[in-house]
């Protein structure tokens, strides 16, 4: 199964959008992301982003996603697995 097909079959549409957003950010050297900014950029609610990031933190094999800070919106630290 190709990488793209596996992502499409494993994750919901919102989760796919979030994953692509995070990967683009990682490619630019970012490692910290605020839920409210992800939500604004993707047209989702901050709660929807937070809920899906918590799920992705458990099931995503490619990225290490963890809650980092709670000030003024949850900040998430994201690293490629194995980094």
PDB file of N, CA and C in Angstrom:
ATOM      1  N   UNK A   1       0.853  -1.175   0.000  1.00  0.00           N
ATOM      2  CA  UNK A   1       0.000   0.000   0.000  1.00  0.00           C
ATOM      3  C   UNK A   1       0.897   1.236   0.000  1.00  0.00           C
ATOM      4  N   UNK A   2       0.588   2.188  -0.851  1.00  0.00           N
ATOM      5  CA  UNK A   2       1.409   3.400  -0.922  1.00  0.00           C
ATOM      6  C   UNK A   2       1.193   4.263   0.323  1.00  0.00           C
ATOM      7  N   UNK A   3       2.152   5.140   0.563  1.00  0.00           N
ATOM      8  CA  UNK A   3       2.095   6.040   1.719  1.00  0.00           C
ATOM      9  C   UNK A   3       0.812   6.875   1.699  1.00  0.00           C
ATOM     10  N   UNK A   4       0.457   7.429   0.536  1.00  0.00           N
ATOM     11  CA  UNK A   4      -0.740   8.277   0.416  1.00  0.00           C
ATOM     12  C   UNK A   4      -2.000   7.471   0.694  1.00  0.00           C
ATOM     13  N   UNK A   5      -2.086   6.248   0.149  1.00  0.00           N
ATOM     14  CA  UNK A   5      -3.269   5.409   0.392  1.00  0.00           C
ATOM     15  C   UNK A   5      -3.385   5.027   1.857  1.00  0.00           C
ATOM     16  N   UNK A   6      -2.247   4.746   2.512  1.00  0.00           N
ATOM     17  CA  UNK A   6      -2.280   4.368   3.926  1.00  0.00           C
ATOM     18  C   UNK A   6      -2.809   5.528   4.763  1.00  0.00           C
ATOM     19  N   UNK A   7      -2.362   6.744   4.469  1.00  0.00           N
ATOM     20  CA  UNK A   7      -2.851   7.923   5.197  1.00  0.00           C
ATOM     21  C   UNK A   7      -4.349   8.084   4.967  1.00  0.00           C
ATOM     22  N   UNK A   8      -4.794   7.947   3.731  1.00  0.00           N
ATOM     23  CA  UNK A   8      -6.217   8.114   3.416  1.00  0.00           C
ATOM     24  C   UNK A   8      -7.066   7.062   4.124  1.00  0.00           C
ATOM     25  N   UNK A   9      -6.564   5.834   4.230  1.00  0.00           N
ATOM     26  CA  UNK A   9      -7.332   4.753   4.845  1.00  0.00           C
ATOM     27  C   UNK A   9      -7.258   4.736   6.370  1.00  0.00           C
ATOM     28  N   UNK A  10      -6.229   5.353   6.952  1.00  0.00           N
ATOM     29  CA  UNK A  10      -6.004   5.282   8.394  1.00  0.00           C
ATOM     30  C   UNK A  10      -6.634   6.446   9.153  1.00  0.00           C
ATOM     31  N   UNK A  11      -6.642   7.632   8.550  1.00  0.00           N
ATOM     32  CA  UNK A  11      -7.034   8.841   9.273  1.00  0.00           C
ATOM     33  C   UNK A  11      -8.300   9.467   8.696  1.00  0.00           C
ATOM     34  N   UNK A  12      -9.021  10.198   9.559  1.00  0.00           N
ATOM     35  CA  UNK A  12     -10.190  10.954   9.107  1.00  0.00           C
ATOM     36  C   UNK A  12      -9.731  12.138   8.256  1.00  0.00           C
ATOM     37  N   UNK A  13     -10.668  12.779   7.595  1.00  0.00           N
ATOM     38  CA  UNK A  13     -10.325  13.941   6.757  1.00  0.00           C
ATOM     39  C   UNK A  13      -9.658  15.038   7.591  1.00  0.00           C
ATOM     40  N   UNK A  14     -10.204  15.340   8.755  1.00  0.00           N
ATOM     41  CA  UNK A  14      -9.613  16.370   9.622  1.00  0.00           C
ATOM     42  C   UNK A  14      -8.204  15.982  10.047  1.00  0.00           C
ATOM     43  N   UNK A  15      -8.015  14.715  10.391  1.00  0.00           N
ATOM     44  CA  UNK A  15      -6.695  14.251  10.803  1.00  0.00           C
ATOM     45  C   UNK A  15      -5.696  14.337   9.655  1.00  0.00           C
ATOM     46  N   UNK A  16      -6.136  14.022   8.444  1.00  0.00           N
ATOM     47  CA  UNK A  16      -5.248  14.135   7.277  1.00  0.00           C
ATOM     48  C   UNK A  16      -4.833  15.583   7.059  1.00  0.00           C
ATOM     49  N   UNK A  17      -5.793  16.507   7.154  1.00  0.00           N
ATOM     50  CA  UNK A  17      -5.472  17.929   6.985  1.00  0.00           C
ATOM     51  C   UNK A  17      -4.435  18.367   8.015  1.00  0.00           C
ATOM     52  N   UNK A  18      -4.644  17.964   9.250  1.00  0.00           N
ATOM     53  CA  UNK A  18      -3.729  18.337  10.332  1.00  0.00           C
ATOM     54  C   UNK A  18      -2.344  17.740  10.099  1.00  0.00           C
ATOM     55  N   UNK A  19      -2.290  16.474   9.707  1.00  0.00           N
ATOM     56  CA  UNK A  19      -1.001  15.829   9.442  1.00  0.00           C
ATOM     57  C   UNK A  19      -0.242  16.537   8.326  1.00  0.00           C
ATOM     58  N   UNK A  20      -0.909  16.855   7.242  1.00  0.00           N
ATOM     59  CA  UNK A  20      -0.240  17.551   6.143  1.00  0.00           C
ATOM     60  C   UNK A  20       0.250  18.923   6.598  1.00  0.00           C
ATOM     61  N   UNK A  21      -0.565  19.611   7.399  1.00  0.00           N
ATOM     62  CA  UNK A  21      -0.167  20.916   7.937  1.00  0.00           C
ATOM     63  C   UNK A  21       1.097  20.778   8.799  1.00  0.00           C
ATOM     64  N   UNK A  22       1.100  19.791   9.681  1.00  0.00           N
ATOM     65  CA  UNK A  22       2.259  19.585  10.556  1.00  0.00           C
ATOM     66  C   UNK A  22       3.504  19.226   9.754  1.00  0.00           C
ATOM     67  N   UNK A  23       3.354  18.369   8.752  1.00  0.00           N
ATOM     68  CA  UNK A  23       4.508  17.971   7.936  1.00  0.00           C
ATOM     69  C   UNK A  23       5.069  19.153   7.161  1.00  0.00           C
ATOM     70  N   UNK A  24       4.197  20.019   6.643  1.00  0.00           N
ATOM     71  CA  UNK A  24       4.676  21.226   5.955  1.00  0.00           C
ATOM     72  C   UNK A  24       5.442  22.113   6.931  1.00  0.00           C
ATOM     73  N   UNK A  25       4.929  22.233   8.150  1.00  0.00           N
ATOM     74  CA  UNK A  25       5.620  23.020   9.175  1.00  0.00           C
ATOM     75  C   UNK A  25       6.974  22.433   9.530  1.00  0.00           C
ATOM     76  N   UNK A  26       7.031  21.117   9.670  1.00  0.00           N
ATOM     77  CA  UNK A  26       8.312  20.457   9.960  1.00  0.00           C
ATOM     78  C   UNK A  26       9.314  20.692   8.836  1.00  0.00           C
ATOM     79  N   UNK A  27       8.839  20.649   7.597  1.00  0.00           N
ATOM     80  CA  UNK A  27       9.717  20.905   6.452  1.00  0.00           C
ATOM     81  C   UNK A  27      10.307  22.310   6.495  1.00  0.00           C
ATOM     82  N   UNK A  28       9.595  23.235   7.146  1.00  0.00           N
ATOM     83  CA  UNK A  28      10.067  24.622   7.286  1.00  0.00           C
ATOM     84  C   UNK A  28      10.869  24.825   8.566  1.00  0.00           C
ATOM     85  N   UNK A  29      11.072  23.751   9.327  1.00  0.00           N
ATOM     86  CA  UNK A  29      11.869  23.830  10.544  1.00  0.00           C
ATOM     87  C   UNK A  29      11.093  24.112  11.816  1.00  0.00           C
ATOM     88  N   UNK A  30       9.756  24.119  11.741  1.00  0.00           N
ATOM     89  CA  UNK A  30       8.936  24.345  12.934  1.00  0.00           C
ATOM     90  C   UNK A  30       8.767  23.046  13.714  1.00  0.00           C
ATOM     91  N   UNK A  31       8.679  23.169  15.034  1.00  0.00           N
ATOM     92  CA  UNK A  31       8.434  22.001  15.877  1.00  0.00           C
ATOM     93  C   UNK A  31       7.334  22.245  16.899  1.00  0.00           C
ATOM     94  N   UNK A  32       6.858  23.488  17.016  1.00  0.00           N
ATOM     95  CA  UNK A  32       5.814  23.816  17.983  1.00  0.00           C
ATOM     96  C   UNK A  32       4.651  24.461  17.242  1.00  0.00           C
ATOM     97  N   UNK A  33       3.446  23.991  17.556  1.00  0.00           N
ATOM     98  CA  UNK A  33       2.250  24.430  16.856  1.00  0.00           C
ATOM     99  C   UNK A  33       1.143  24.686  17.867  1.00  0.00           C
ATOM    100  N   UNK A  34       0.438  25.815  17.742  1.00  0.00           N
ATOM    101  CA  UNK A  34      -0.694  26.123  18.609  1.00  0.00           C
ATOM    102  C   UNK A  34      -1.995  25.674  17.937  1.00  0.00           C
ATOM    103  N   UNK A  35      -2.851  25.043  18.713  1.00  0.00           N
ATOM    104  CA  UNK A  35      -4.129  24.547  18.186  1.00  0.00           C
ATOM    105  C   UNK A  35      -4.919  25.650  17.499  1.00  0.00           C
ATOM    106  N   UNK A  36      -4.971  26.835  18.097  1.00  0.00           N
ATOM    107  CA  UNK A  36      -5.809  27.898  17.533  1.00  0.00           C
ATOM    108  C   UNK A  36      -5.302  28.362  16.170  1.00  0.00           C
ATOM    109  N   UNK A  37      -3.990  28.331  15.947  1.00  0.00           N
ATOM    110  CA  UNK A  37      -3.455  28.746  14.648  1.00  0.00           C
ATOM    111  C   UNK A  37      -3.656  27.667  13.592  1.00  0.00           C
ATOM    112  N   UNK A  38      -3.531  26.417  13.991  1.00  0.00           N
ATOM    113  CA  UNK A  38      -3.824  25.313  13.073  1.00  0.00           C
ATOM    114  C   UNK A  38      -5.294  25.407  12.661  1.00  0.00           C
ATOM    115  N   UNK A  39      -6.169  25.610  13.651  1.00  0.00           N
ATOM    116  CA  UNK A  39      -7.614  25.697  13.391  1.00  0.00           C
ATOM    117  C   UNK A  39      -7.931  26.815  12.418  1.00  0.00           C
ATOM    118  N   UNK A  40      -7.367  27.983  12.653  1.00  0.00           N
ATOM    119  CA  UNK A  40      -7.628  29.137  11.791  1.00  0.00           C
ATOM    120  C   UNK A  40      -7.162  28.861  10.365  1.00  0.00           C
ATOM    121  N   UNK A  41      -5.995  28.287  10.228  1.00  0.00           N
ATOM    122  CA  UNK A  41      -5.413  27.999   8.914  1.00  0.00           C
ATOM    123  C   UNK A  41      -6.217  26.948   8.142  1.00  0.00           C
ATOM    124  N   UNK A  42      -6.753  25.962   8.855  1.00  0.00           N
ATOM    125  CA  UNK A  42      -7.437  24.844   8.198  1.00  0.00           C
ATOM    126  C   UNK A  42      -8.957  24.952   8.202  1.00  0.00           C
ATOM    127  N   UNK A  43      -9.508  25.980   8.830  1.00  0.00           N
ATOM    128  CA  UNK A  43     -10.961  26.138   8.868  1.00  0.00           C
ATOM    129  C   UNK A  43     -11.642  25.153   9.803  1.00  0.00           C
ATOM    130  N   UNK A  44     -10.935  24.761  10.862  1.00  0.00           N
ATOM    131  CA  UNK A  44     -11.490  23.857  11.868  1.00  0.00           C
ATOM    132  C   UNK A  44     -11.629  24.617  13.184  1.00  0.00           C
ATOM    133  N   UNK A  45     -12.324  24.045  14.155  1.00  0.00           N
ATOM    134  CA  UNK A  45     -12.391  24.672  15.479  1.00  0.00           C
ATOM    135  C   UNK A  45     -11.148  24.266  16.277  1.00  0.00           C
ATOM    136  N   UNK A  46     -10.708  25.114  17.214  1.00  0.00           N
ATOM    137  CA  UNK A  46      -9.575  24.737  18.057  1.00  0.00           C
ATOM    138  C   UNK A  46      -9.834  23.435  18.828  1.00  0.00           C
ATOM    139  N   UNK A  47     -11.082  23.239  19.256  1.00  0.00           N
ATOM    140  CA  UNK A  47     -11.426  21.996  19.978  1.00  0.00           C
ATOM    141  C   UNK A  47     -11.269  20.781  19.067  1.00  0.00           C
ATOM    142  N   UNK A  48     -11.711  20.904  17.820  1.00  0.00           N
ATOM    143  CA  UNK A  48     -11.576  19.809  16.861  1.00  0.00           C
ATOM    144  C   UNK A  48     -10.099  19.488  16.609  1.00  0.00           C
ATOM    145  N   UNK A  49      -9.283  20.530  16.495  1.00  0.00           N
ATOM    146  CA  UNK A  49      -7.849  20.332  16.300  1.00  0.00           C
ATOM    147  C   UNK A  49      -7.247  19.633  17.516  1.00  0.00           C
ATOM    148  N   UNK A  50      -7.573  20.118  18.719  1.00  0.00           N
ATOM    149  CA  UNK A  50      -7.030  19.521  19.936  1.00  0.00           C
ATOM    150  C   UNK A  50      -7.430  18.067  20.105  1.00  0.00           C
ATOM    151  N   UNK A  51      -8.691  17.763  19.841  1.00  0.00           N
ATOM    152  CA  UNK A  51      -9.173  16.390  19.946  1.00  0.00           C
ATOM    153  C   UNK A  51      -8.440  15.482  18.964  1.00  0.00           C
ATOM    154  N   UNK A  52      -8.308  15.938  17.724  1.00  0.00           N
ATOM    155  CA  UNK A  52      -7.646  15.123  16.711  1.00  0.00           C
ATOM    156  C   UNK A  52      -6.146  15.002  16.960  1.00  0.00           C
ATOM    157  N   UNK A  53      -5.512  16.045  17.470  1.00  0.00           N
ATOM    158  CA  UNK A  53      -4.087  15.944  17.788  1.00  0.00           C
ATOM    159  C   UNK A  53      -3.856  14.945  18.924  1.00  0.00           C
ATOM    160  N   UNK A  54      -4.759  14.922  19.902  1.00  0.00           N
ATOM    161  CA  UNK A  54      -4.634  13.937  20.983  1.00  0.00           C
ATOM    162  C   UNK A  54      -4.748  12.515  20.428  1.00  0.00           C
ATOM    163  N   UNK A  55      -5.651  12.312  19.488  1.00  0.00           N
ATOM    164  CA  UNK A  55      -5.786  11.000  18.847  1.00  0.00           C
ATOM    165  C   UNK A  55      -4.531  10.682  18.036  1.00  0.00           C
ATOM    166  N   UNK A  56      -4.081  11.647  17.254  1.00  0.00           N
ATOM    167  CA  UNK A  56      -2.885  11.435  16.437  1.00  0.00           C
ATOM    168  C   UNK A  56      -1.652  11.151  17.297  1.00  0.00           C
ATOM    169  N   UNK A  57      -1.586  11.772  18.468  1.00  0.00           N
ATOM    170  CA  UNK A  57      -0.453  11.521  19.366  1.00  0.00           C
ATOM    171  C   UNK A  57      -0.376  10.048  19.740  1.00  0.00           C
ATOM    172  N   UNK A  58      -1.533   9.380  19.774  1.00  0.00           N
ATOM    173  CA  UNK A  58      -1.590   7.962  20.128  1.00  0.00           C
ATOM    174  C   UNK A  58      -1.376   7.033  18.939  1.00  0.00           C
ATOM    175  N   UNK A  59      -1.862   7.424  17.754  1.00  0.00           N
ATOM    176  CA  UNK A  59      -1.880   6.469  16.645  1.00  0.00           C
ATOM    177  C   UNK A  59      -0.913   6.774  15.510  1.00  0.00           C
ATOM    178  N   UNK A  60      -0.389   7.975  15.428  1.00  0.00           N
ATOM    179  CA  UNK A  60       0.473   8.339  14.299  1.00  0.00           C
ATOM    180  C   UNK A  60       1.858   7.706  14.467  1.00  0.00           C
ATOM    181  N   UNK A  61       2.242   6.925  13.487  1.00  0.00           N
ATOM    182  CA  UNK A  61       3.532   6.243  13.534  1.00  0.00           C
ATOM    183  C   UNK A  61       4.673   7.094  12.996  1.00  0.00           C
ATOM    184  N   UNK A  62       4.358   8.128  12.239  1.00  0.00           N
ATOM    185  CA  UNK A  62       5.380   8.944  11.584  1.00  0.00           C
ATOM    186  C   UNK A  62       5.863  10.123  12.421  1.00  0.00           C
ATOM    187  N   UNK A  63       4.962  10.652  13.251  1.00  0.00           N
ATOM    188  CA  UNK A  63       5.287  11.852  14.025  1.00  0.00           C
ATOM    189  C   UNK A  63       5.139  11.593  15.512  1.00  0.00           C
ATOM    190  N   UNK A  64       6.028  12.191  16.278  1.00  0.00           N
ATOM    191  CA  UNK A  64       5.934  12.181  17.737  1.00  0.00           C
ATOM    192  C   UNK A  64       5.237  13.471  18.132  1.00  0.00           C
ATOM    193  N   UNK A  65       3.988  13.384  18.553  1.00  0.00           N
ATOM    194  CA  UNK A  65       3.158  14.547  18.879  1.00  0.00           C
ATOM    195  C   UNK A  65       2.877  14.531  20.371  1.00  0.00           C
ATOM    196  N   UNK A  66       3.186  15.655  21.047  1.00  0.00           N
ATOM    197  CA  UNK A  66       2.924  15.713  22.487  1.00  0.00           C
ATOM    198  C   UNK A  66       2.467  17.115  22.883  1.00  0.00           C
ATOM    199  N   UNK A  67       1.580  17.149  23.898  1.00  0.00           N
ATOM    200  CA  UNK A  67       1.156  18.444  24.449  1.00  0.00           C
ATOM    201  C   UNK A  67       2.366  19.070  25.121  1.00  0.00           C
ATOM    202  N   UNK A  68       2.577  20.333  24.845  1.00  0.00           N
ATOM    203  CA  UNK A  68       3.763  20.990  25.364  1.00  0.00           C
ATOM    204  C   UNK A  68       3.414  22.081  26.366  1.00  0.00           C
ATOM    205  N   UNK A  69       2.389  22.869  26.092  1.00  0.00           N
ATOM    206  CA  UNK A  69       2.038  24.001  26.949  1.00  0.00           C
ATOM    207  C   UNK A  69       0.551  24.300  26.794  1.00  0.00           C
ATOM    208  N   UNK A  70      -0.027  24.907  27.833  1.00  0.00           N
ATOM    209  CA  UNK A  70      -1.454  25.224  27.801  1.00  0.00           C
ATOM    210  C   UNK A  70      -1.753  26.714  27.860  1.00  0.00           C
ATOM    211  N   UNK A  71      -0.764  27.563  27.731  1.00  0.00           N
ATOM    212  CA  UNK A  71      -1.018  29.001  27.865  1.00  0.00           C
ATOM    213  C   UNK A  71      -1.649  29.569  26.601  1.00  0.00           C
ATOM    214  N   UNK A  72      -2.833  30.164  26.739  1.00  0.00           N
ATOM    215  CA  UNK A  72      -3.519  30.874  25.660  1.00  0.00           C
ATOM    216  C   UNK A  72      -3.823  29.994  24.445  1.00  0.00           C
ATOM    217  N   UNK A  73      -3.884  28.730  24.591  1.00  0.00           N
ATOM    218  CA  UNK A  73      -4.166  27.728  23.558  1.00  0.00           C
ATOM    219  C   UNK A  73      -3.121  26.634  23.734  1.00  0.00           C
ATOM    220  N   UNK A  74      -3.520  25.419  23.491  1.00  0.00           N
ATOM    221  CA  UNK A  74      -2.576  24.314  23.655  1.00  0.00           C
ATOM    222  C   UNK A  74      -1.490  24.389  22.588  1.00  0.00           C
ATOM    223  N   UNK A  75      -0.261  24.268  23.028  1.00  0.00           N
ATOM    224  CA  UNK A  75       0.874  24.178  22.115  1.00  0.00           C
ATOM    225  C   UNK A  75       1.303  22.722  22.053  1.00  0.00           C
ATOM    226  N   UNK A  76       1.542  22.265  20.846  1.00  0.00           N
ATOM    227  CA  UNK A  76       1.946  20.884  20.607  1.00  0.00           C
ATOM    228  C   UNK A  76       3.363  20.850  20.076  1.00  0.00           C
ATOM    229  N   UNK A  77       4.171  19.935  20.602  1.00  0.00           N
ATOM    230  CA  UNK A  77       5.509  19.724  20.060  1.00  0.00           C
ATOM    231  C   UNK A  77       5.420  18.542  19.102  1.00  0.00           C
ATOM    232  N   UNK A  78       5.974  18.741  17.913  1.00  0.00           N
ATOM    233  CA  UNK A  78       5.909  17.712  16.888  1.00  0.00           C
ATOM    234  C   UNK A  78       7.311  17.447  16.345  1.00  0.00           C
ATOM    235  N   UNK A  79       7.684  16.190  16.351  1.00  0.00           N
ATOM    236  CA  UNK A  79       8.987  15.759  15.828  1.00  0.00           C
ATOM    237  C   UNK A  79       8.774  14.528  14.962  1.00  0.00           C
ATOM    238  N   UNK A  80       9.627  14.346  13.965  1.00  0.00           N
ATOM    239  CA  UNK A  80       9.560  13.077  13.229  1.00  0.00           C
ATOM    240  C   UNK A  80       9.896  11.939  14.180  1.00  0.00           C
ATOM    241  N   UNK A  81       9.267  10.806  14.036  1.00  0.00           N
ATOM    242  CA  UNK A  81       9.580   9.653  14.891  1.00  0.00           C
ATOM    243  C   UNK A  81      11.056   9.296  14.715  1.00  0.00           C
ATOM    244  N   UNK A  82      11.691   8.972  15.820  1.00  0.00           N
ATOM    245  CA  UNK A  82      13.094   8.601  15.774  1.00  0.00           C
ATOM    246  C   UNK A  82      14.031   9.780  15.888  1.00  0.00           C
ATOM    247  N   UNK A  83      13.491  11.008  15.955  1.00  0.00           N
ATOM    248  CA  UNK A  83      14.346  12.201  16.065  1.00  0.00           C
ATOM    249  C   UNK A  83      14.696  12.459  17.517  1.00  0.00           C
TER     250      UNK A  83
END
